[in-house]
Every structure is written in structure tokens, then in C-alpha cells.
Amino acid sequence: MSDRSPPKTLQDIADDIQRDVGNEVHYVSLRPADPSYPDTPLVNITTLEKRELCVAITSCGLCVIGHAHDSVEGLGHMGDESPSPQHHRSGHMKLSHKVSLASNSHGALRYYETIYSLLDEISPQYRAAFCSELSDKLLKLQQELQDS
């Protein structure tokens, strides 16, 4: 008997996203799959800044495919292309004021390895909430260590 659990499906990852970042975004919900892409789970997210996004979960990673809930205009641009981040000349990731389809210079969608990296880039309030929560946990741990 193996202690290994079965590999996660894309739907499992979508469920994890809903559970893991629900407190760090204004709204998160799974949406029905697009009939043209039935195996691509989609998640509607509203950031703390009230930006609405539709995010696809693919084998390449997560990508913003729309600027509103249930907006799937970017699905037609998805393919098996390799994720390639967009960089400034300085080598830093480009942050856009308005969330775009995050296409690189070749027109390919921008993929993120985790929901955390996606939100960290597009939502300053997510980043602040994450840092605050982490700080609170570290202070609590420090207090527990001092008390023992």
C-alpha cells in the first residue's frame, strides 16, 4: 500500500484556490467550464481593489483570460505555448495599472505557477493582507516560544 495520494486534477486545484485565497480576495468562485474548453476549469475572482478577473487553470499554469467575471475572451489564445513572463529592461516583472490579458511581446498569454504569484502581481492589497497575516502568525509563534 502506498502513502501517496493520487495526483491533483485541475478541478482539485480550482477547489484549492477557492479555499486558500477566499479571505485575501473580495470574491472567488468556480464558474462553469466554457463548452469549447470543457477540461479547463475557470475561476472568477474579484480582487480587494474590486478588479474582476476570469482565470483559467491549465497544465501551463494559471492565466487571466478575461477582465470581468465569466469573460472568456482569452480562451481562444490559449495553447501549449511555454509560459514566458514579461520583463522590463531592468529584469523586473512588469506590473500593469489595469489588469490586462498579460500578453507578452509575442501575443501569448502570461501564465503564473500559483494563484499566489498571480495575485501578488496584480493586487497590492492582496500582498499587504498576505504580509499582515504572515506577520501575525510569526508574532504568535514567537509569543508561544517565549511562553514555553
C-alpha atoms as a PDB file:
ATOM      1  CA  MET A   1       0.000   0.000   0.000  1.00  0.00           C
ATOM      2  CA  SER A   2       1.333   3.406  -0.939  1.00  0.00           C
ATOM      3  CA  ASP A   3       1.139   6.562   1.188  1.00  0.00           C
ATOM      4  CA  ARG A   4       0.959   8.616  -1.976  1.00  0.00           C
ATOM      5  CA  SER A   5      -2.283  10.317  -2.783  1.00  0.00           C
ATOM      6  CA  PRO A   6      -3.476  10.440  -6.373  1.00  0.00           C
ATOM      7  CA  PRO A   7      -2.227  13.409  -8.408  1.00  0.00           C
ATOM      8  CA  LYS A   8      -4.359  16.513  -8.220  1.00  0.00           C
ATOM      9  CA  THR A   9      -6.631  17.250 -11.104  1.00  0.00           C
ATOM     10  CA  LEU A  10      -7.104  20.749 -12.493  1.00  0.00           C
ATOM     11  CA  GLN A  11     -10.511  20.767 -10.786  1.00  0.00           C
ATOM     12  CA  ASP A  12      -8.838  19.919  -7.452  1.00  0.00           C
ATOM     13  CA  ILE A  13      -6.564  22.916  -7.962  1.00  0.00           C
ATOM     14  CA  ALA A  14      -9.582  25.128  -8.654  1.00  0.00           C
ATOM     15  CA  ASP A  15     -11.191  23.936  -5.409  1.00  0.00           C
ATOM     16  CA  ASP A  16      -7.924  24.628  -3.539  1.00  0.00           C
ATOM     17  CA  ILE A  17      -7.805  28.173  -4.931  1.00  0.00           C
ATOM     18  CA  GLN A  18     -11.308  28.866  -3.720  1.00  0.00           C
ATOM     19  CA  ARG A  19     -10.405  27.602  -0.238  1.00  0.00           C
ATOM     20  CA  ASP A  20      -6.895  29.089   0.013  1.00  0.00           C
ATOM     21  CA  VAL A  21      -7.416  32.697  -1.088  1.00  0.00           C
ATOM     22  CA  GLY A  22     -11.023  33.263  -0.117  1.00  0.00           C
ATOM     23  CA  ASN A  23     -10.004  35.574   2.725  1.00  0.00           C
ATOM     24  CA  GLU A  24      -7.481  37.548   0.655  1.00  0.00           C
ATOM     25  CA  VAL A  25      -9.793  38.492  -2.212  1.00  0.00           C
ATOM     26  CA  HIS A  26     -13.182  40.161  -2.291  1.00  0.00           C
ATOM     27  CA  TYR A  27     -14.797  37.290  -4.211  1.00  0.00           C
ATOM     28  CA  VAL A  28     -13.751  33.927  -5.635  1.00  0.00           C
ATOM     29  CA  SER A  29     -15.948  31.311  -7.266  1.00  0.00           C
ATOM     30  CA  LEU A  30     -15.645  28.455  -9.707  1.00  0.00           C
ATOM     31  CA  ARG A  31     -17.553  29.085 -12.911  1.00  0.00           C
ATOM     32  CA  PRO A  32     -18.974  26.547 -15.319  1.00  0.00           C
ATOM     33  CA  ALA A  33     -16.499  25.421 -17.957  1.00  0.00           C
ATOM     34  CA  ASP A  34     -16.692  27.003 -21.379  1.00  0.00           C
ATOM     35  CA  PRO A  35     -18.273  24.483 -23.809  1.00  0.00           C
ATOM     36  CA  SER A  36     -15.333  24.918 -26.204  1.00  0.00           C
ATOM     37  CA  TYR A  37     -12.841  24.100 -23.417  1.00  0.00           C
ATOM     38  CA  PRO A  38     -14.671  21.659 -21.117  1.00  0.00           C
ATOM     39  CA  ASP A  39     -11.448  20.428 -19.446  1.00  0.00           C
ATOM     40  CA  THR A  40     -10.246  23.909 -18.454  1.00  0.00           C
ATOM     41  CA  PRO A  41     -11.507  24.935 -15.003  1.00  0.00           C
ATOM     42  CA  LEU A  42     -12.298  28.637 -14.729  1.00  0.00           C
ATOM     43  CA  VAL A  43     -12.332  30.785 -11.604  1.00  0.00           C
ATOM     44  CA  ASN A  44     -13.970  34.188 -11.204  1.00  0.00           C
ATOM     45  CA  ILE A  45     -12.034  36.455  -8.862  1.00  0.00           C
ATOM     46  CA  THR A  46     -12.631  39.978  -7.601  1.00  0.00           C
ATOM     47  CA  THR A  47      -9.506  41.417  -6.017  1.00  0.00           C
ATOM     48  CA  LEU A  48      -9.582  43.600  -2.928  1.00  0.00           C
ATOM     49  CA  GLU A  49      -9.247  46.546  -5.323  1.00  0.00           C
ATOM     50  CA  LYS A  50     -12.565  45.400  -6.901  1.00  0.00           C
ATOM     51  CA  ARG A  51     -10.949  44.267 -10.185  1.00  0.00           C
ATOM     52  CA  GLU A  52     -12.908  41.428 -11.741  1.00  0.00           C
ATOM     53  CA  LEU A  53     -10.998  38.628 -13.447  1.00  0.00           C
ATOM     54  CA  CYS A  54     -11.696  35.301 -15.049  1.00  0.00           C
ATOM     55  CA  VAL A  55      -8.750  32.932 -14.581  1.00  0.00           C
ATOM     56  CA  ALA A  56      -8.144  29.675 -16.444  1.00  0.00           C
ATOM     57  CA  ILE A  57      -6.321  26.783 -14.793  1.00  0.00           C
ATOM     58  CA  THR A  58      -4.217  24.919 -17.329  1.00  0.00           C
ATOM     59  CA  SER A  59      -1.329  22.495 -17.395  1.00  0.00           C
ATOM     60  CA  CYS A  60       0.912  25.521 -18.181  1.00  0.00           C
ATOM     61  CA  GLY A  61      -0.312  27.357 -15.092  1.00  0.00           C
ATOM     62  CA  LEU A  62      -2.936  29.963 -14.297  1.00  0.00           C
ATOM     63  CA  CYS A  63      -3.709  32.800 -16.694  1.00  0.00           C
ATOM     64  CA  VAL A  64      -6.048  35.754 -16.737  1.00  0.00           C
ATOM     65  CA  ILE A  65      -8.343  35.230 -19.702  1.00  0.00           C
ATOM     66  CA  GLY A  66     -10.884  37.976 -19.054  1.00  0.00           C
ATOM     67  CA  HIS A  67     -11.394  41.335 -17.353  1.00  0.00           C
ATOM     68  CA  ALA A  68     -14.803  40.504 -15.937  1.00  0.00           C
ATOM     69  CA  HIS A  69     -16.438  37.515 -14.303  1.00  0.00           C
ATOM     70  CA  ASP A  70     -17.341  34.863 -16.873  1.00  0.00           C
ATOM     71  CA  SER A  71     -15.379  36.720 -19.552  1.00  0.00           C
ATOM     72  CA  VAL A  72     -13.508  34.172 -21.632  1.00  0.00           C
ATOM     73  CA  GLU A  73     -12.116  36.278 -24.488  1.00  0.00           C
ATOM     74  CA  GLY A  74      -8.595  34.996 -23.801  1.00  0.00           C
ATOM     75  CA  LEU A  75      -9.519  31.308 -24.101  1.00  0.00           C
ATOM     76  CA  GLY A  76      -9.082  31.401 -27.861  1.00  0.00           C
ATOM     77  CA  HIS A  77      -5.460  32.486 -27.371  1.00  0.00           C
ATOM     78  CA  MET A  78      -4.569  29.583 -25.099  1.00  0.00           C
ATOM     79  CA  GLY A  79      -2.370  26.894 -26.497  1.00  0.00           C
ATOM     80  CA  ASP A  80       0.504  24.723 -25.487  1.00  0.00           C
ATOM     81  CA  GLU A  81       2.972  27.596 -25.724  1.00  0.00           C
ATOM     82  CA  SER A  82       5.549  27.840 -22.994  1.00  0.00           C
ATOM     83  CA  PRO A  83       4.875  30.385 -20.324  1.00  0.00           C
ATOM     84  CA  SER A  84       7.111  33.390 -20.823  1.00  0.00           C
ATOM     85  CA  PRO A  85       6.968  36.227 -18.322  1.00  0.00           C
ATOM     86  CA  GLN A  86       7.003  39.851 -19.379  1.00  0.00           C
ATOM     87  CA  HIS A  87      10.016  41.793 -18.108  1.00  0.00           C
ATOM     88  CA  HIS A  88      11.166  45.387 -18.072  1.00  0.00           C
ATOM     89  CA  ARG A  89      14.692  46.166 -19.229  1.00  0.00           C
ATOM     90  CA  SER A  90      15.728  46.004 -15.570  1.00  0.00           C
ATOM     91  CA  GLY A  91      14.624  42.366 -15.455  1.00  0.00           C
ATOM     92  CA  HIS A  92      11.736  43.032 -13.091  1.00  0.00           C
ATOM     93  CA  MET A  93       8.262  41.762 -13.845  1.00  0.00           C
ATOM     94  CA  LYS A  94       6.021  44.371 -15.458  1.00  0.00           C
ATOM     95  CA  LEU A  95       3.123  45.422 -13.285  1.00  0.00           C
ATOM     96  CA  SER A  96       0.221  46.981 -15.103  1.00  0.00           C
ATOM     97  CA  HIS A  97      -2.138  49.501 -13.538  1.00  0.00           C
ATOM     98  CA  LYS A  98      -5.076  47.904 -15.298  1.00  0.00           C
ATOM     99  CA  VAL A  99      -5.068  44.141 -15.392  1.00  0.00           C
ATOM    100  CA  SER A 100      -4.681  43.140 -18.998  1.00  0.00           C
ATOM    101  CA  LEU A 101      -4.647  39.811 -20.707  1.00  0.00           C
ATOM    102  CA  ALA A 102      -0.985  39.979 -19.759  1.00  0.00           C
ATOM    103  CA  SER A 103       0.266  39.083 -23.189  1.00  0.00           C
ATOM    104  CA  ASN A 104       3.966  39.146 -23.816  1.00  0.00           C
ATOM    105  CA  SER A 105       5.559  40.660 -26.890  1.00  0.00           C
ATOM    106  CA  HIS A 106       4.656  37.525 -28.864  1.00  0.00           C
ATOM    107  CA  GLY A 107       0.944  37.799 -28.029  1.00  0.00           C
ATOM    108  CA  ALA A 108       0.936  34.689 -25.804  1.00  0.00           C
ATOM    109  CA  LEU A 109      -0.978  34.690 -22.538  1.00  0.00           C
ATOM    110  CA  ARG A 110       1.006  35.165 -19.348  1.00  0.00           C
ATOM    111  CA  TYR A 111       0.999  32.115 -17.083  1.00  0.00           C
ATOM    112  CA  TYR A 112       1.557  32.024 -13.323  1.00  0.00           C
ATOM    113  CA  GLU A 113       2.732  28.996 -11.393  1.00  0.00           C
ATOM    114  CA  THR A 114       0.429  29.667  -8.427  1.00  0.00           C
ATOM    115  CA  ILE A 115      -2.605  31.757  -7.556  1.00  0.00           C
ATOM    116  CA  TYR A 116      -0.383  33.499  -5.011  1.00  0.00           C
ATOM    117  CA  SER A 117       2.065  34.708  -7.668  1.00  0.00           C
ATOM    118  CA  LEU A 118      -0.812  35.898  -9.858  1.00  0.00           C
ATOM    119  CA  LEU A 119      -2.455  37.831  -7.025  1.00  0.00           C
ATOM    120  CA  ASP A 120       0.865  39.147  -5.742  1.00  0.00           C
ATOM    121  CA  GLU A 121       1.478  40.786  -9.086  1.00  0.00           C
ATOM    122  CA  ILE A 122      -1.954  42.248  -9.759  1.00  0.00           C
ATOM    123  CA  SER A 123      -3.262  43.105  -6.283  1.00  0.00           C
ATOM    124  CA  PRO A 124      -1.245  45.303  -3.909  1.00  0.00           C
ATOM    125  CA  GLN A 125      -3.943  44.850  -1.263  1.00  0.00           C
ATOM    126  CA  TYR A 126      -3.597  41.048  -1.540  1.00  0.00           C
ATOM    127  CA  ARG A 127       0.138  41.438  -0.990  1.00  0.00           C
ATOM    128  CA  ALA A 128      -0.470  43.643   2.073  1.00  0.00           C
ATOM    129  CA  ALA A 129      -3.072  41.240   3.512  1.00  0.00           C
ATOM    130  CA  PHE A 130      -0.758  38.268   2.955  1.00  0.00           C
ATOM    131  CA  CYS A 131       2.159  40.061   4.643  1.00  0.00           C
ATOM    132  CA  SER A 132      -0.032  41.113   7.563  1.00  0.00           C
ATOM    133  CA  GLU A 133      -1.341  37.568   8.068  1.00  0.00           C
ATOM    134  CA  LEU A 134       2.176  36.146   7.908  1.00  0.00           C
ATOM    135  CA  SER A 135       3.431  38.729  10.388  1.00  0.00           C
ATOM    136  CA  ASP A 136       0.585  37.920  12.790  1.00  0.00           C
ATOM    137  CA  LYS A 137       1.388  34.203  12.612  1.00  0.00           C
ATOM    138  CA  LEU A 138       5.086  34.824  13.239  1.00  0.00           C
ATOM    139  CA  LEU A 139       4.330  37.062  16.230  1.00  0.00           C
ATOM    140  CA  LYS A 140       2.005  34.394  17.634  1.00  0.00           C
ATOM    141  CA  LEU A 141       4.686  31.737  17.181  1.00  0.00           C
ATOM    142  CA  GLN A 142       7.272  33.981  18.846  1.00  0.00           C
ATOM    143  CA  GLN A 143       4.921  34.540  21.786  1.00  0.00           C
ATOM    144  CA  GLU A 144       4.285  30.788  22.128  1.00  0.00           C
ATOM    145  CA  LEU A 145       8.025  30.119  22.148  1.00  0.00           C
ATOM    146  CA  GLN A 146       8.605  32.777  24.793  1.00  0.00           C
ATOM    147  CA  ASP A 147       5.792  31.370  26.948  1.00  0.00           C
ATOM    148  CA  SER A 148       7.149  27.831  26.889  1.00  0.00           C
END
